[in-house]
N, C-alpha and C. Protein backbone atom coordinates (compact mmCIF):
# COMPACT_ATOMS: atom_id res chain seq x y z
N UNK A 1 202.43 -90.19 -34.49
CA UNK A 1 203.20 -89.13 -34.91
C UNK A 1 204.44 -89.78 -35.28
N UNK A 2 204.64 -89.14 -36.55
CA UNK A 2 205.73 -89.54 -37.56
C UNK A 2 206.75 -88.05 -37.40
N UNK A 3 208.02 -88.40 -37.16
CA UNK A 3 209.22 -87.72 -37.29
C UNK A 3 209.71 -87.59 -38.64
N UNK A 4 210.00 -86.69 -39.26
CA UNK A 4 210.84 -86.16 -40.48
C UNK A 4 212.01 -85.68 -39.96
N UNK A 5 212.89 -86.45 -40.76
CA UNK A 5 214.46 -85.48 -40.59
C UNK A 5 214.53 -84.64 -41.41
N UNK A 6 215.45 -83.49 -40.85
CA UNK A 6 215.52 -82.53 -41.64
C UNK A 6 216.58 -82.92 -42.68
N UNK A 7 216.31 -82.05 -43.66
CA UNK A 7 217.25 -82.42 -44.57
C UNK A 7 218.47 -81.18 -45.20
N UNK A 8 219.37 -81.71 -44.11
CA UNK A 8 220.20 -80.49 -44.16
C UNK A 8 221.21 -80.31 -45.34
N UNK A 9 221.39 -81.45 -46.10
CA UNK A 9 222.23 -81.36 -47.59
C UNK A 9 221.09 -80.87 -48.72
N UNK A 10 220.05 -80.53 -48.39
CA UNK A 10 219.02 -79.96 -49.17
C UNK A 10 219.33 -78.39 -49.17
N UNK A 11 219.87 -77.65 -48.07
CA UNK A 11 220.13 -76.12 -47.76
C UNK A 11 221.08 -75.91 -48.62
N UNK A 12 221.01 -74.52 -49.30
CA UNK A 12 222.43 -74.28 -50.18
C UNK A 12 223.32 -73.92 -49.33
N UNK A 13 224.59 -74.54 -50.27
CA UNK A 13 226.03 -74.48 -49.92
C UNK A 13 226.39 -73.48 -48.67
N UNK A 14 225.88 -71.79 -49.06
CA UNK A 14 226.06 -71.19 -48.12
C UNK A 14 225.49 -70.72 -46.63
N UNK A 15 224.37 -71.74 -46.91
CA UNK A 15 223.73 -71.50 -45.11
C UNK A 15 224.34 -73.25 -44.72
N UNK A 16 224.93 -73.97 -45.48
CA UNK A 16 225.37 -75.02 -44.56
C UNK A 16 226.84 -74.38 -44.18
N UNK A 17 227.65 -73.66 -44.68
CA UNK A 17 228.61 -73.06 -44.34
C UNK A 17 228.45 -71.97 -42.97
N UNK A 18 227.63 -71.44 -43.23
CA UNK A 18 227.50 -70.49 -42.26
C UNK A 18 227.05 -71.56 -40.78
N UNK A 19 226.49 -72.74 -40.67
CA UNK A 19 226.32 -73.58 -39.89
C UNK A 19 227.49 -74.15 -39.53
N UNK A 20 228.78 -74.56 -40.11
CA UNK A 20 229.98 -74.79 -40.02
C UNK A 20 230.80 -73.72 -39.00
N UNK A 21 230.69 -72.63 -39.47
CA UNK A 21 231.20 -71.72 -38.97
C UNK A 21 230.66 -71.25 -37.37
N UNK A 22 229.67 -71.58 -37.26
CA UNK A 22 229.05 -71.57 -35.94
C UNK A 22 229.49 -72.21 -35.19
N UNK A 23 229.94 -73.46 -35.34
CA UNK A 23 230.44 -74.70 -34.62
C UNK A 23 231.14 -73.89 -33.33
N UNK A 24 231.01 -74.44 -32.68
CA UNK A 24 231.57 -73.74 -30.92
C UNK A 24 232.54 -74.72 -30.19
N UNK A 25 233.70 -74.11 -29.66
CA UNK A 25 234.60 -74.65 -28.91
C UNK A 25 234.19 -74.60 -27.40
N UNK A 26 234.05 -75.78 -26.75
CA UNK A 26 233.15 -75.84 -25.33
C UNK A 26 234.37 -76.29 -24.26
N UNK A 27 234.40 -75.93 -23.27
CA UNK A 27 234.96 -75.89 -22.09
C UNK A 27 234.42 -77.02 -21.12
N UNK A 28 235.20 -78.16 -20.72
CA UNK A 28 234.77 -79.14 -20.06
C UNK A 28 235.70 -79.66 -19.17
N UNK A 29 234.83 -79.60 -17.87
CA UNK A 29 235.73 -80.10 -16.63
C UNK A 29 235.56 -81.13 -16.27
N UNK A 30 236.74 -82.24 -15.78
CA UNK A 30 236.54 -83.43 -15.39
C UNK A 30 237.00 -83.68 -14.08
N UNK A 31 236.03 -83.69 -12.74
CA UNK A 31 236.31 -83.41 -11.20
C UNK A 31 237.19 -85.12 -11.38
N UNK A 32 238.18 -85.25 -10.73
CA UNK A 32 239.16 -86.61 -9.88
C UNK A 32 238.70 -86.32 -8.69
N UNK A 33 237.84 -87.31 -7.89
CA UNK A 33 237.86 -87.09 -6.51
C UNK A 33 238.97 -87.96 -5.88
N UNK A 34 239.56 -87.41 -5.10
CA UNK A 34 240.89 -88.19 -4.63
C UNK A 34 240.41 -89.42 -3.78
N UNK A 35 239.20 -89.27 -3.39
CA UNK A 35 238.82 -90.64 -2.69
C UNK A 35 238.41 -91.52 -3.13
N UNK A 36 238.44 -91.55 -4.54
CA UNK A 36 237.67 -92.36 -5.73
C UNK A 36 239.13 -92.86 -6.27
N UNK A 37 240.15 -92.18 -6.31
CA UNK A 37 241.44 -92.47 -7.09
C UNK A 37 242.41 -92.78 -6.45
N UNK A 38 242.62 -92.88 -5.40
CA UNK A 38 243.93 -92.94 -4.22
C UNK A 38 244.30 -94.47 -4.30
N UNK A 39 245.45 -94.71 -5.04
CA UNK A 39 246.25 -95.90 -5.31
C UNK A 39 247.08 -95.94 -4.30
N UNK A 40 248.02 -95.06 -4.05
CA UNK A 40 248.91 -95.31 -2.77
C UNK A 40 248.29 -94.78 -1.50
N UNK A 41 247.70 -95.60 -0.67
CA UNK A 41 247.26 -95.26 0.63
C UNK A 41 247.51 -94.60 1.78
N UNK A 42 249.50 -94.40 1.27
CA UNK A 42 249.97 -93.59 2.08
C UNK A 42 250.02 -92.20 2.33
N UNK A 43 248.96 -91.88 1.08
CA UNK A 43 249.08 -90.21 0.96
C UNK A 43 248.14 -90.19 1.88
N UNK A 44 248.51 -88.56 2.48
CA UNK A 44 247.80 -88.01 3.59
C UNK A 44 247.37 -86.60 3.24
N UNK A 45 246.24 -86.28 3.25
CA UNK A 45 245.76 -84.79 2.95
C UNK A 45 245.13 -84.60 4.15
N UNK A 46 245.70 -82.77 4.76
CA UNK A 46 244.99 -82.06 5.71
C UNK A 46 243.51 -82.16 5.75
N UNK A 47 243.22 -82.10 6.84
CA UNK A 47 241.77 -82.23 7.02
C UNK A 47 241.36 -80.23 6.26
N UNK A 48 240.12 -80.45 5.57
CA UNK A 48 240.04 -78.89 5.16
C UNK A 48 240.52 -78.66 3.90
N UNK A 49 241.55 -79.64 3.30
CA UNK A 49 241.95 -79.20 2.13
C UNK A 49 241.37 -79.92 0.90
N UNK A 50 240.85 -79.47 -0.38
CA UNK A 50 240.18 -79.71 -1.38
C UNK A 50 241.03 -81.12 -1.83
N UNK A 51 240.33 -82.04 -1.81
CA UNK A 51 240.43 -83.50 -2.24
C UNK A 51 239.86 -83.94 -3.56
N UNK A 52 240.35 -83.00 -4.54
CA UNK A 52 240.24 -83.19 -6.04
C UNK A 52 240.98 -82.42 -6.90
N UNK A 53 240.94 -83.13 -7.95
CA UNK A 53 241.74 -82.32 -9.14
C UNK A 53 241.01 -82.31 -10.23
N UNK A 54 240.87 -80.71 -10.73
CA UNK A 54 239.99 -80.65 -11.90
C UNK A 54 240.74 -80.65 -13.46
N UNK A 55 240.59 -81.30 -13.97
CA UNK A 55 241.00 -81.25 -15.58
C UNK A 55 240.01 -80.57 -16.41
N UNK A 56 240.64 -79.55 -16.84
CA UNK A 56 240.10 -78.30 -17.86
C UNK A 56 240.16 -78.66 -19.18
N UNK A 57 239.48 -79.12 -20.04
CA UNK A 57 240.07 -79.35 -21.59
C UNK A 57 239.11 -78.31 -22.70
N UNK A 58 239.55 -78.11 -23.61
CA UNK A 58 238.72 -77.52 -24.79
C UNK A 58 238.06 -78.57 -25.50
N UNK A 59 236.80 -78.44 -26.22
CA UNK A 59 236.59 -79.55 -27.15
C UNK A 59 235.85 -78.89 -28.16
N UNK A 60 235.82 -79.39 -29.52
CA UNK A 60 235.39 -79.09 -30.66
C UNK A 60 234.29 -79.97 -31.11
N UNK A 61 232.89 -79.97 -31.11
CA UNK A 61 232.15 -80.67 -31.91
C UNK A 61 232.41 -81.18 -33.26
N UNK A 62 232.87 -82.50 -33.09
CA UNK A 62 233.15 -83.04 -34.34
C UNK A 62 232.80 -84.25 -35.26
N UNK A 63 231.20 -84.41 -34.17
CA UNK A 63 230.32 -85.48 -34.75
C UNK A 63 229.55 -85.13 -36.19
N UNK A 64 229.66 -83.89 -36.60
CA UNK A 64 229.39 -83.45 -37.87
C UNK A 64 230.16 -84.47 -38.90
N UNK A 65 231.21 -84.57 -38.63
CA UNK A 65 232.03 -85.17 -39.69
C UNK A 65 231.67 -86.47 -39.88
N UNK A 66 231.04 -87.13 -39.04
CA UNK A 66 230.44 -88.55 -39.38
C UNK A 66 229.15 -88.68 -39.92
N UNK A 67 228.32 -87.81 -40.45
CA UNK A 67 227.20 -88.03 -40.90
C UNK A 67 227.41 -88.51 -42.62
N UNK A 68 228.31 -87.44 -43.24
CA UNK A 68 228.04 -87.91 -44.95
C UNK A 68 229.80 -87.44 -45.28
N UNK A 69 229.98 -87.75 -46.38
CA UNK A 69 231.07 -87.93 -47.01
C UNK A 69 231.26 -86.07 -47.58
N UNK A 70 230.00 -85.76 -48.13
CA UNK A 70 229.83 -84.60 -48.39
C UNK A 70 230.16 -83.18 -47.30
N UNK A 71 229.43 -83.60 -46.47
CA UNK A 71 229.66 -82.94 -45.21
C UNK A 71 230.95 -82.78 -44.68
N UNK A 72 231.53 -84.26 -44.57
CA UNK A 72 233.14 -83.95 -44.34
C UNK A 72 233.79 -83.05 -44.71
N UNK A 73 233.67 -83.41 -46.41
CA UNK A 73 234.63 -82.57 -47.28
C UNK A 73 234.14 -80.91 -47.05
N UNK A 74 232.91 -80.50 -46.96
CA UNK A 74 232.97 -79.22 -46.90
C UNK A 74 233.15 -78.44 -45.34
N UNK A 75 233.31 -79.19 -44.40
CA UNK A 75 233.34 -78.74 -42.95
C UNK A 75 234.53 -78.77 -42.57
N UNK A 76 235.69 -79.67 -43.48
CA UNK A 76 237.05 -79.86 -42.89
C UNK A 76 237.91 -78.79 -42.47
N UNK A 77 237.86 -77.75 -43.74
CA UNK A 77 238.45 -76.47 -43.88
C UNK A 77 238.00 -75.63 -42.58
N UNK A 78 236.85 -75.59 -42.35
CA UNK A 78 236.37 -74.64 -41.23
C UNK A 78 236.90 -75.15 -40.07
N UNK A 79 237.34 -76.39 -39.83
CA UNK A 79 237.58 -76.95 -38.20
C UNK A 79 239.27 -77.25 -38.08
N UNK A 80 239.60 -76.99 -39.10
CA UNK A 80 241.66 -77.33 -39.39
C UNK A 80 241.91 -76.15 -38.72
N UNK A 81 241.40 -75.08 -38.62
CA UNK A 81 242.33 -74.00 -37.52
C UNK A 81 241.91 -74.03 -36.44
N UNK A 82 240.54 -74.20 -36.09
CA UNK A 82 240.44 -74.62 -34.79
C UNK A 82 240.55 -75.67 -34.14
N UNK A 83 240.88 -76.78 -35.01
CA UNK A 83 241.70 -78.10 -34.03
C UNK A 83 243.24 -77.83 -34.27
N UNK A 84 243.92 -76.84 -35.04
CA UNK A 84 245.12 -76.38 -34.73
C UNK A 84 245.24 -75.76 -33.36
N UNK A 85 244.46 -74.92 -33.07
CA UNK A 85 244.45 -74.07 -32.20
C UNK A 85 244.21 -74.91 -30.79
N UNK A 86 243.68 -75.74 -30.82
CA UNK A 86 242.96 -76.66 -29.73
C UNK A 86 243.97 -77.54 -29.37
N UNK A 87 244.97 -78.06 -30.41
CA UNK A 87 246.20 -78.86 -30.27
C UNK A 87 247.23 -78.13 -29.34
N UNK A 88 247.24 -76.91 -29.57
CA UNK A 88 248.29 -75.92 -28.83
C UNK A 88 248.04 -75.54 -27.62
N UNK A 89 246.84 -75.79 -27.17
CA UNK A 89 246.16 -75.24 -26.10
C UNK A 89 246.69 -76.28 -24.87
N UNK A 90 247.03 -75.66 -23.66
CA UNK A 90 247.77 -76.51 -22.70
C UNK A 90 246.69 -77.23 -21.93
N UNK A 91 247.00 -78.22 -21.28
CA UNK A 91 246.24 -79.04 -20.43
C UNK A 91 246.29 -77.93 -18.99
N UNK A 92 244.92 -78.12 -18.51
CA UNK A 92 245.11 -76.90 -17.39
C UNK A 92 244.17 -78.37 -16.28
N UNK A 93 244.93 -78.06 -15.29
CA UNK A 93 244.68 -78.75 -13.91
C UNK A 93 244.03 -77.76 -12.71
N UNK A 94 242.97 -77.68 -12.10
CA UNK A 94 242.84 -76.98 -11.21
C UNK A 94 242.75 -77.84 -9.96
N UNK A 95 243.90 -77.23 -8.93
CA UNK A 95 244.01 -78.25 -7.82
C UNK A 95 243.82 -77.33 -6.38
N UNK A 96 243.33 -77.85 -5.42
CA UNK A 96 243.53 -77.50 -3.86
C UNK A 96 244.73 -78.10 -3.39
N UNK A 97 244.88 -78.09 -2.09
CA UNK A 97 246.16 -78.18 -1.36
C UNK A 97 246.47 -79.78 -1.45
N UNK A 98 245.38 -80.40 -0.95
CA UNK A 98 245.56 -81.60 -1.17
C UNK A 98 245.98 -82.26 -2.68
N UNK A 99 245.27 -81.67 -3.61
CA UNK A 99 245.59 -82.25 -5.02
C UNK A 99 246.78 -81.66 -4.87
N UNK A 100 247.62 -80.89 -5.00
CA UNK A 100 248.95 -80.44 -4.96
C UNK A 100 249.74 -81.19 -4.33
N UNK A 101 249.51 -81.71 -3.14
CA UNK A 101 250.44 -83.05 -2.30
C UNK A 101 250.53 -84.06 -2.93
N UNK A 102 249.25 -84.39 -3.69
CA UNK A 102 249.14 -85.81 -4.39
C UNK A 102 249.74 -85.64 -5.51
N UNK A 103 249.90 -84.83 -6.28
CA UNK A 103 250.44 -84.36 -7.61
C UNK A 103 252.06 -84.52 -7.38
N UNK A 104 252.40 -83.64 -6.19
CA UNK A 104 253.73 -83.71 -5.73
C UNK A 104 254.53 -84.98 -5.33
N UNK A 105 253.54 -85.98 -5.26
CA UNK A 105 254.12 -87.28 -4.40
C UNK A 105 254.60 -88.17 -5.96
N UNK A 106 256.09 -88.74 -5.66
CA UNK A 106 256.42 -89.77 -6.80
C UNK A 106 255.71 -90.52 -7.45
N UNK A 107 254.94 -91.18 -6.72
CA UNK A 107 254.06 -92.13 -7.19
C UNK A 107 252.58 -91.84 -7.52
N UNK A 108 252.35 -90.41 -7.60
CA UNK A 108 250.99 -89.84 -7.68
C UNK A 108 250.56 -90.79 -9.01
N UNK A 109 249.23 -90.55 -9.31
CA UNK A 109 248.92 -91.17 -10.53
C UNK A 109 248.89 -90.27 -11.79
N UNK A 110 249.35 -88.81 -11.60
CA UNK A 110 249.70 -88.27 -12.62
C UNK A 110 251.56 -87.75 -12.67
N UNK A 111 252.05 -88.33 -11.77
CA UNK A 111 253.40 -88.28 -11.72
C UNK A 111 254.46 -88.40 -13.02
N UNK A 112 253.86 -89.42 -13.99
CA UNK A 112 254.40 -89.57 -15.27
C UNK A 112 254.17 -88.48 -16.21
N UNK A 113 252.79 -87.97 -16.03
CA UNK A 113 252.70 -86.34 -16.92
C UNK A 113 253.62 -85.53 -16.42
N UNK A 114 254.17 -85.17 -15.72
CA UNK A 114 254.96 -84.27 -15.45
C UNK A 114 256.52 -84.33 -15.25
N UNK A 115 256.73 -85.75 -15.38
CA UNK A 115 258.20 -86.18 -15.85
C UNK A 115 258.57 -86.17 -16.98
N UNK A 116 257.78 -85.72 -17.76
CA UNK A 116 257.91 -85.95 -19.42
C UNK A 116 259.06 -84.62 -19.53
N UNK A 117 260.09 -84.82 -20.70
CA UNK A 117 261.13 -84.13 -20.71
C UNK A 117 260.73 -83.12 -21.70
N UNK A 118 259.46 -83.08 -22.37
CA UNK A 118 258.79 -81.84 -23.05
C UNK A 118 258.69 -80.62 -22.02
N UNK A 119 258.39 -80.93 -20.72
CA UNK A 119 258.01 -79.67 -19.71
C UNK A 119 259.10 -79.57 -18.78
N UNK A 120 260.22 -79.28 -18.79
CA UNK A 120 261.23 -79.57 -17.98
C UNK A 120 260.86 -78.08 -16.61
N UNK A 121 260.18 -77.26 -17.10
CA UNK A 121 259.87 -76.23 -16.14
C UNK A 121 258.81 -76.74 -14.95
N UNK A 122 257.64 -77.55 -15.75
CA UNK A 122 257.02 -78.15 -14.83
C UNK A 122 257.20 -79.41 -13.77
N UNK A 123 258.20 -80.07 -14.44
CA UNK A 123 259.17 -80.92 -13.58
C UNK A 123 259.89 -80.09 -12.50
N UNK A 124 260.34 -79.35 -12.69
CA UNK A 124 261.06 -78.53 -11.60
C UNK A 124 260.48 -77.95 -10.76
N UNK A 125 259.18 -77.43 -11.12
CA UNK A 125 258.12 -76.95 -10.13
C UNK A 125 257.59 -78.22 -9.52
N UNK A 126 257.03 -79.08 -9.79
CA UNK A 126 256.66 -80.29 -8.98
C UNK A 126 257.73 -80.86 -7.95
N UNK A 127 259.14 -80.96 -8.65
CA UNK A 127 260.17 -81.43 -7.41
C UNK A 127 260.55 -80.11 -6.81
N UNK A 128 260.43 -78.94 -6.63
CA UNK A 128 260.07 -78.46 -5.95
C UNK A 128 259.25 -78.15 -4.47
N UNK A 129 257.94 -78.75 -4.95
CA UNK A 129 257.00 -78.69 -4.07
C UNK A 129 257.50 -80.22 -3.29
N UNK A 130 257.88 -81.24 -3.92
CA UNK A 130 257.99 -82.42 -3.22
C UNK A 130 259.58 -81.96 -2.34
N UNK A 131 260.22 -81.41 -2.61
CA UNK A 131 261.35 -81.21 -1.63
C UNK A 131 261.31 -80.09 -0.61
N UNK A 132 260.45 -79.44 -0.70
CA UNK A 132 260.09 -78.27 0.31
C UNK A 132 258.26 -77.86 0.28
N UNK A 133 258.06 -78.91 0.82
CA UNK A 133 256.03 -78.95 0.35
C UNK A 133 256.42 -77.82 1.62
N UNK A 134 256.97 -78.09 2.80
CA UNK A 134 256.27 -77.03 3.80
C UNK A 134 256.43 -75.75 3.49
N UNK A 135 257.94 -75.25 2.79
CA UNK A 135 258.00 -73.98 2.65
C UNK A 135 256.97 -73.78 1.40
N UNK A 136 256.71 -74.55 0.97
CA UNK A 136 255.69 -74.00 -0.13
C UNK A 136 254.03 -73.93 0.31
N UNK A 137 253.85 -74.36 1.47
CA UNK A 137 252.32 -74.18 2.05
C UNK A 137 252.93 -72.93 2.81
N UNK A 138 253.90 -72.45 3.25
CA UNK A 138 254.28 -71.22 3.99
C UNK A 138 254.22 -70.03 3.16
N UNK A 139 254.79 -70.63 1.93
CA UNK A 139 254.68 -69.50 0.81
C UNK A 139 253.16 -69.04 0.24
N UNK A 140 252.24 -70.54 0.35
CA UNK A 140 250.94 -70.13 -0.03
C UNK A 140 250.23 -69.19 0.93
N UNK A 141 250.78 -69.62 1.97
CA UNK A 141 250.12 -68.74 3.35
C UNK A 141 250.39 -67.46 3.32
N UNK A 142 251.72 -66.88 2.78
CA UNK A 142 252.13 -65.71 2.68
C UNK A 142 251.42 -64.93 1.49
N UNK A 143 250.77 -65.60 0.77
CA UNK A 143 249.94 -64.97 -0.20
C UNK A 143 248.68 -64.64 0.36
N UNK A 144 248.57 -64.95 1.16
CA UNK A 144 247.15 -64.93 1.69
C UNK A 144 245.85 -66.23 1.50
N UNK A 145 246.95 -67.02 0.80
CA UNK A 145 245.57 -67.71 0.57
C UNK A 145 244.71 -68.32 1.59
N UNK A 146 243.64 -68.69 1.44
CA UNK A 146 242.58 -69.29 2.64
C UNK A 146 242.35 -70.53 2.24
N UNK A 147 241.96 -71.49 2.94
CA UNK A 147 241.82 -73.05 2.81
C UNK A 147 241.00 -73.12 1.33
N UNK A 148 239.79 -72.26 1.20
CA UNK A 148 238.76 -72.71 0.00
C UNK A 148 239.75 -71.97 -1.26
N UNK A 149 240.53 -71.43 -1.44
CA UNK A 149 241.40 -70.85 -2.51
C UNK A 149 241.83 -71.94 -3.07
N UNK A 150 241.79 -72.13 -4.72
CA UNK A 150 242.09 -73.07 -5.53
C UNK A 150 243.89 -72.58 -6.32
N UNK A 151 244.47 -73.83 -6.37
CA UNK A 151 245.81 -73.37 -7.05
C UNK A 151 245.48 -73.42 -8.65
N UNK A 152 245.82 -73.00 -9.53
CA UNK A 152 245.62 -73.21 -10.85
C UNK A 152 247.01 -73.15 -11.30
N UNK A 153 247.42 -74.63 -11.93
CA UNK A 153 248.63 -74.71 -12.56
C UNK A 153 248.17 -75.08 -13.91
N UNK A 154 249.36 -74.08 -14.76
CA UNK A 154 248.98 -74.11 -16.33
C UNK A 154 250.11 -74.69 -16.93
N UNK A 155 250.07 -75.15 -18.20
CA UNK A 155 251.11 -75.59 -18.85
C UNK A 155 252.69 -75.15 -18.52
N UNK A 156 252.32 -74.05 -18.34
CA UNK A 156 254.11 -73.45 -17.88
C UNK A 156 254.34 -73.22 -16.53
N UNK A 157 253.61 -73.82 -16.02
CA UNK A 157 253.83 -73.91 -14.20
C UNK A 157 253.93 -72.84 -13.63
N UNK A 158 252.80 -71.94 -13.80
CA UNK A 158 252.57 -70.67 -12.99
C UNK A 158 251.83 -70.94 -11.77
N UNK A 159 251.61 -70.17 -10.85
CA UNK A 159 251.02 -70.55 -9.61
C UNK A 159 250.12 -69.22 -9.62
N UNK A 160 248.64 -69.14 -9.61
CA UNK A 160 247.86 -68.36 -9.00
C UNK A 160 246.63 -68.92 -8.34
N UNK A 161 246.24 -67.70 -8.05
CA UNK A 161 244.68 -68.07 -7.24
C UNK A 161 243.77 -67.41 -8.00
N UNK A 162 242.30 -68.38 -7.60
CA UNK A 162 241.65 -67.34 -7.99
C UNK A 162 241.21 -65.51 -7.55
N UNK A 163 241.99 -65.37 -6.20
CA UNK A 163 241.67 -64.06 -6.09
C UNK A 163 242.82 -63.15 -6.33
N UNK A 164 244.11 -63.87 -6.92
CA UNK A 164 245.16 -62.82 -7.58
C UNK A 164 245.27 -63.25 -9.24
N UNK A 165 244.18 -64.03 -9.65
CA UNK A 165 244.26 -63.89 -10.76
C UNK A 165 244.24 -63.03 -12.20
N UNK A 166 243.56 -61.74 -11.36
CA UNK A 166 243.72 -60.57 -12.30
C UNK A 166 244.69 -60.02 -12.15
N UNK A 167 245.79 -60.45 -11.40
CA UNK A 167 247.30 -59.29 -11.12
C UNK A 167 247.88 -60.03 -12.17
N UNK A 168 249.17 -59.29 -12.85
CA UNK A 168 249.73 -59.61 -13.94
C UNK A 168 250.49 -60.83 -13.75
N UNK A 169 250.96 -61.72 -14.65
CA UNK A 169 251.84 -62.66 -14.14
C UNK A 169 251.69 -63.48 -15.49
N UNK A 170 252.72 -64.38 -15.69
CA UNK A 170 253.12 -65.10 -17.10
C UNK A 170 251.90 -65.84 -17.29
N UNK A 171 250.91 -66.34 -16.53
CA UNK A 171 250.03 -67.23 -17.00
C UNK A 171 248.83 -66.38 -17.13
N UNK A 172 248.58 -65.33 -17.09
CA UNK A 172 247.82 -64.34 -17.69
C UNK A 172 247.13 -64.37 -18.68
N UNK A 173 246.08 -65.14 -18.84
CA UNK A 173 245.10 -65.11 -20.53
C UNK A 173 245.45 -66.88 -20.58
N UNK A 174 245.97 -67.61 -19.41
CA UNK A 174 246.06 -68.82 -20.19
C UNK A 174 245.47 -69.58 -18.59
N UNK A 175 244.64 -68.77 -17.83
CA UNK A 175 244.10 -69.78 -16.64
C UNK A 175 242.74 -70.28 -17.21
N UNK A 176 242.41 -71.19 -16.41
CA UNK A 176 241.14 -72.22 -16.92
C UNK A 176 239.94 -71.21 -16.44
N UNK A 177 238.86 -71.14 -17.33
CA UNK A 177 237.78 -70.40 -16.85
C UNK A 177 236.98 -70.55 -15.87
């Protein structure tokens, strides 16, 4: 049984443009388990705490650019605005209590990302967790967090839970899906 390749370039330009317009942005989640990534063995995480950090990012399928020069020339205008939007989209992390503790540690694997002068509000937030870790967890308990709730940190250092994500806050609309 022989397989004949689909001749995309033989389609009329209008149909090819419809295909380009339909390229979707997808959301991917990468879960980093602390048990696999602990570099500093002095980190301690309370029992029952979430022991993972989830990186949420959006991607646009750009493999179509590698097909041929003609397709690349046709599709680049359709992708340009979407890629611009993706570039402005902040990186999102979904953290459990254990993940927040690891992030707040000064030698944590992601500590350098949050000491970037571009994001001083996030650096302040991380410093607050480090300086007042017990106060942070008391604050979290006062918001009626349960051990299975997850904290969501956006690029603007807003704190929300899955339960109160529908409440108005500065991060509304920027939470991970």
